[in-house]
Structure formats: C-alpha cells, structure tokens
C-alpha cells in the first residue's frame, strides 16, 4: 500500500494590520513564524499565501505536524481620553 500523497486543503486565518507607512503587515495565528507584508491588500494576501506554503514545507521537512487553523478572539475596549488642560 502506498502513502497518500494527494494534497490536503487547509484554510488559515490571517490578520491584516494596516501599516502606518502604507500597506499591510500580515500575521498568521496558527503559524507564528509567518510574518509578511504587502503594499496593498492584494499583495499582502499573495505574500501571505507564499509565506504560509513555505512555513508548511519547512515544518513537513522537519517532520513536524501541520497545525490546524486558529481563530483569534478580537474584542474592542472603549477608553476615555482626558482632554488637554
């Protein structure tokens, strides 16, 4: 019997943080080693895909498991800012 070599599809949650200088910085909660960026959303997404594929390739070549997606918990907190005197 041969090993199953067909690809398995995974979906990963990414976080697009706006960069104050323009573009986006990308983080992947399930793959903390992945951090990339792009000048716009399309570039950031393309770079994220490439970085995720490379991270998975590295993990597999090191004999590590490919982690499942992790969905971060996002909340908002309202803060009162005192006015200048």
N, C-alpha and C. Protein backbone atom coordinates (compact mmCIF):
# COMPACT_ATOMS: atom_id res chain seq x y z
N UNK A 1 0.84 -1.17 0.00
CA UNK A 1 0.00 0.00 0.00
C UNK A 1 0.89 1.24 0.00
N UNK A 2 0.57 2.21 -0.86
CA UNK A 2 1.38 3.43 -0.93
C UNK A 2 0.78 4.52 -0.05
N UNK A 3 1.64 5.41 0.38
CA UNK A 3 1.18 6.53 1.21
C UNK A 3 0.36 7.48 0.36
N UNK A 4 -0.60 8.11 0.99
CA UNK A 4 -1.43 9.10 0.31
C UNK A 4 -0.60 10.36 0.08
N UNK A 5 -0.35 10.68 -1.18
CA UNK A 5 0.46 11.85 -1.48
C UNK A 5 -0.36 12.97 -2.09
N UNK A 6 -1.69 12.80 -2.13
CA UNK A 6 -2.52 13.88 -2.66
C UNK A 6 -2.56 15.02 -1.65
N UNK A 7 -2.60 16.25 -2.14
CA UNK A 7 -2.59 17.39 -1.23
C UNK A 7 -3.87 17.48 -0.41
N UNK A 8 -3.74 17.99 0.78
CA UNK A 8 -4.87 18.25 1.64
C UNK A 8 -5.06 19.76 1.70
N UNK A 9 -6.27 20.20 1.49
CA UNK A 9 -6.54 21.63 1.50
C UNK A 9 -6.77 22.11 2.93
N UNK A 10 -6.15 23.22 3.26
CA UNK A 10 -6.33 23.87 4.56
C UNK A 10 -6.65 25.33 4.33
N UNK A 11 -7.38 25.90 5.23
CA UNK A 11 -7.65 27.33 5.22
C UNK A 11 -7.08 27.91 6.50
N UNK A 12 -6.37 29.02 6.38
CA UNK A 12 -5.76 29.67 7.54
C UNK A 12 -6.28 31.09 7.70
N UNK A 13 -6.56 31.44 8.92
CA UNK A 13 -6.94 32.81 9.26
C UNK A 13 -5.70 33.66 9.27
N UNK A 14 -5.79 34.83 8.62
CA UNK A 14 -4.67 35.77 8.66
C UNK A 14 -5.17 37.08 9.24
N UNK A 15 -4.24 37.84 9.78
CA UNK A 15 -4.55 39.16 10.32
C UNK A 15 -3.82 40.18 9.47
N UNK A 16 -4.58 41.11 8.92
CA UNK A 16 -4.01 42.20 8.12
C UNK A 16 -3.98 43.45 9.01
N UNK A 17 -2.80 43.83 9.44
CA UNK A 17 -2.65 45.04 10.24
C UNK A 17 -2.22 46.18 9.31
N UNK A 18 -3.01 47.27 9.27
CA UNK A 18 -2.59 48.40 8.45
C UNK A 18 -1.25 48.95 8.94
N UNK A 19 -0.35 49.20 8.00
CA UNK A 19 0.96 49.78 8.32
C UNK A 19 0.82 51.29 8.23
N UNK A 20 1.29 52.03 9.25
CA UNK A 20 1.17 53.49 9.21
C UNK A 20 1.84 54.12 7.98
N UNK A 21 2.83 53.42 7.42
CA UNK A 21 3.53 53.93 6.23
C UNK A 21 2.87 53.47 4.94
N UNK A 22 1.76 52.74 5.05
CA UNK A 22 1.04 52.23 3.88
C UNK A 22 1.15 50.72 3.78
N UNK A 23 0.16 50.14 3.18
CA UNK A 23 0.15 48.69 3.02
C UNK A 23 -0.31 47.98 4.27
N UNK A 24 0.02 46.70 4.34
CA UNK A 24 -0.42 45.85 5.44
C UNK A 24 0.70 44.93 5.90
N UNK A 25 0.71 44.64 7.19
CA UNK A 25 1.56 43.61 7.77
C UNK A 25 0.65 42.43 8.06
N UNK A 26 1.11 41.23 7.72
CA UNK A 26 0.28 40.03 7.85
C UNK A 26 0.86 39.09 8.90
N UNK A 27 -0.02 38.59 9.78
CA UNK A 27 0.33 37.59 10.78
C UNK A 27 -0.63 36.41 10.62
N UNK A 28 -0.14 35.23 10.95
CA UNK A 28 -0.95 34.01 10.86
C UNK A 28 -0.95 33.36 12.25
N UNK A 29 -2.06 33.44 12.99
CA UNK A 29 -2.08 32.91 14.35
C UNK A 29 -1.64 31.44 14.47
N UNK A 30 -1.99 30.60 13.51
CA UNK A 30 -1.64 29.18 13.58
C UNK A 30 -0.17 28.93 13.25
N UNK A 31 0.46 29.88 12.57
CA UNK A 31 1.86 29.73 12.16
C UNK A 31 2.62 30.99 12.60
N UNK A 32 3.01 31.05 13.87
CA UNK A 32 3.62 32.27 14.39
C UNK A 32 4.91 32.69 13.69
N UNK A 33 5.54 31.77 12.99
CA UNK A 33 6.76 32.13 12.27
C UNK A 33 6.47 32.94 11.00
N UNK A 34 5.21 32.98 10.60
CA UNK A 34 4.84 33.70 9.38
C UNK A 34 4.52 35.16 9.70
N UNK A 35 5.30 36.03 9.12
CA UNK A 35 5.05 37.47 9.18
C UNK A 35 5.53 38.04 7.86
N UNK A 36 4.63 38.68 7.15
CA UNK A 36 4.96 39.24 5.85
C UNK A 36 4.23 40.55 5.68
N UNK A 37 4.32 41.14 4.52
CA UNK A 37 3.66 42.42 4.29
C UNK A 37 3.36 42.59 2.82
N UNK A 38 2.63 43.64 2.50
CA UNK A 38 2.34 43.98 1.12
C UNK A 38 1.96 45.44 1.01
N UNK A 39 2.21 46.01 -0.16
CA UNK A 39 1.92 47.43 -0.38
C UNK A 39 0.43 47.71 -0.44
N UNK A 40 -0.36 46.67 -0.73
CA UNK A 40 -1.82 46.79 -0.74
C UNK A 40 -2.39 45.43 -0.32
N UNK A 41 -3.71 45.34 -0.22
CA UNK A 41 -4.32 44.09 0.27
C UNK A 41 -4.00 42.91 -0.64
N UNK A 42 -4.06 43.10 -1.94
CA UNK A 42 -3.79 42.01 -2.87
C UNK A 42 -2.36 41.49 -2.72
N UNK A 43 -1.40 42.40 -2.62
CA UNK A 43 0.00 42.00 -2.43
C UNK A 43 0.17 41.28 -1.10
N UNK A 44 -0.47 41.81 -0.05
CA UNK A 44 -0.35 41.20 1.27
C UNK A 44 -0.90 39.77 1.26
N UNK A 45 -2.04 39.57 0.59
CA UNK A 45 -2.63 38.23 0.51
C UNK A 45 -1.76 37.27 -0.29
N UNK A 46 -1.21 37.74 -1.40
CA UNK A 46 -0.32 36.90 -2.20
C UNK A 46 0.93 36.52 -1.42
N UNK A 47 1.51 37.49 -0.72
CA UNK A 47 2.70 37.21 0.08
C UNK A 47 2.38 36.29 1.25
N UNK A 48 1.18 36.44 1.82
CA UNK A 48 0.76 35.55 2.91
C UNK A 48 0.66 34.12 2.42
N UNK A 49 0.05 33.93 1.26
CA UNK A 49 -0.08 32.57 0.70
C UNK A 49 1.30 31.93 0.53
N UNK A 50 2.22 32.68 -0.07
CA UNK A 50 3.57 32.16 -0.29
C UNK A 50 4.27 31.84 1.03
N UNK A 51 4.16 32.73 2.01
CA UNK A 51 4.81 32.53 3.31
C UNK A 51 4.22 31.33 4.04
N UNK A 52 2.90 31.16 3.96
CA UNK A 52 2.25 30.00 4.59
C UNK A 52 2.72 28.71 3.94
N UNK A 53 2.76 28.68 2.60
CA UNK A 53 3.23 27.49 1.90
C UNK A 53 4.66 27.14 2.28
N UNK A 54 5.53 28.16 2.39
CA UNK A 54 6.92 27.91 2.78
C UNK A 54 7.02 27.41 4.22
N UNK A 55 6.23 27.98 5.12
CA UNK A 55 6.25 27.55 6.52
C UNK A 55 5.80 26.10 6.64
N UNK A 56 4.77 25.73 5.91
CA UNK A 56 4.29 24.35 5.94
C UNK A 56 5.34 23.40 5.36
N UNK A 57 5.95 23.80 4.26
CA UNK A 57 7.01 22.99 3.66
C UNK A 57 8.15 22.77 4.65
N UNK A 58 8.55 23.82 5.34
CA UNK A 58 9.62 23.71 6.35
C UNK A 58 9.21 22.77 7.48
N UNK A 59 7.98 22.92 7.97
CA UNK A 59 7.51 22.05 9.05
C UNK A 59 7.50 20.58 8.62
N UNK A 60 7.00 20.32 7.41
CA UNK A 60 6.95 18.95 6.93
C UNK A 60 8.35 18.36 6.75
N UNK A 61 9.29 19.16 6.23
CA UNK A 61 10.64 18.65 6.03
C UNK A 61 11.35 18.41 7.35
N UNK A 62 10.91 19.08 8.41
CA UNK A 62 11.48 18.86 9.74
C UNK A 62 10.73 17.77 10.50
N UNK A 63 9.73 17.15 9.85
CA UNK A 63 8.96 16.08 10.48
C UNK A 63 7.94 16.59 11.48
N UNK A 64 7.61 17.87 11.41
CA UNK A 64 6.64 18.46 12.32
C UNK A 64 5.24 18.37 11.73
N UNK A 65 4.25 18.44 12.59
CA UNK A 65 2.86 18.42 12.15
C UNK A 65 2.47 19.78 11.57
N UNK A 66 1.51 19.75 10.68
CA UNK A 66 0.96 20.99 10.14
C UNK A 66 -0.21 21.37 11.03
N UNK A 67 -0.15 22.53 11.67
CA UNK A 67 -1.19 22.89 12.63
C UNK A 67 -2.52 23.24 11.96
N UNK A 68 -3.58 23.04 12.71
CA UNK A 68 -4.90 23.47 12.26
C UNK A 68 -5.00 24.98 12.41
N UNK A 69 -5.99 25.55 11.77
CA UNK A 69 -6.22 26.98 11.86
C UNK A 69 -6.54 27.38 13.30
N UNK A 70 -6.16 28.59 13.63
CA UNK A 70 -6.52 29.18 14.92
C UNK A 70 -7.20 30.51 14.63
N UNK A 71 -8.38 30.69 15.21
CA UNK A 71 -9.12 31.93 15.00
C UNK A 71 -8.93 32.79 16.24
N UNK A 72 -8.29 33.96 16.06
CA UNK A 72 -8.06 34.82 17.23
C UNK A 72 -9.37 35.43 17.73
N UNK A 73 -9.41 35.70 19.01
CA UNK A 73 -10.54 36.38 19.61
C UNK A 73 -10.27 37.88 19.55
N UNK A 74 -11.15 38.61 18.92
CA UNK A 74 -10.97 40.05 18.77
C UNK A 74 -12.11 40.76 19.50
N UNK A 75 -11.76 41.69 20.34
CA UNK A 75 -12.73 42.48 21.09
C UNK A 75 -12.33 43.94 21.03
N UNK A 76 -13.26 44.82 21.32
CA UNK A 76 -12.98 46.25 21.40
C UNK A 76 -13.20 46.71 22.83
N UNK A 77 -12.35 47.61 23.28
CA UNK A 77 -12.47 48.20 24.61
C UNK A 77 -12.53 49.70 24.43
N UNK A 78 -13.54 50.33 25.02
CA UNK A 78 -13.69 51.78 24.93
C UNK A 78 -12.89 52.43 26.06
N UNK A 79 -12.08 53.41 25.69
CA UNK A 79 -11.22 54.12 26.64
C UNK A 79 -11.55 55.61 26.54
N UNK A 80 -11.75 56.25 27.69
CA UNK A 80 -11.94 57.70 27.71
C UNK A 80 -10.57 58.37 27.76
N UNK A 81 -10.34 59.27 26.84
CA UNK A 81 -9.07 60.01 26.76
C UNK A 81 -9.31 61.37 27.38
N UNK A 82 -8.54 61.72 28.43
CA UNK A 82 -8.75 63.04 29.03
C UNK A 82 -8.35 64.14 28.06
N UNK A 83 -9.08 65.24 28.10
CA UNK A 83 -8.75 66.37 27.26
C UNK A 83 -7.58 67.15 27.86
N UNK A 84 -6.81 67.78 27.00
CA UNK A 84 -5.67 68.59 27.47
C UNK A 84 -6.19 69.81 28.18
N UNK A 85 -5.48 70.22 29.23
CA UNK A 85 -5.92 71.38 30.01
C UNK A 85 -5.51 72.67 29.34
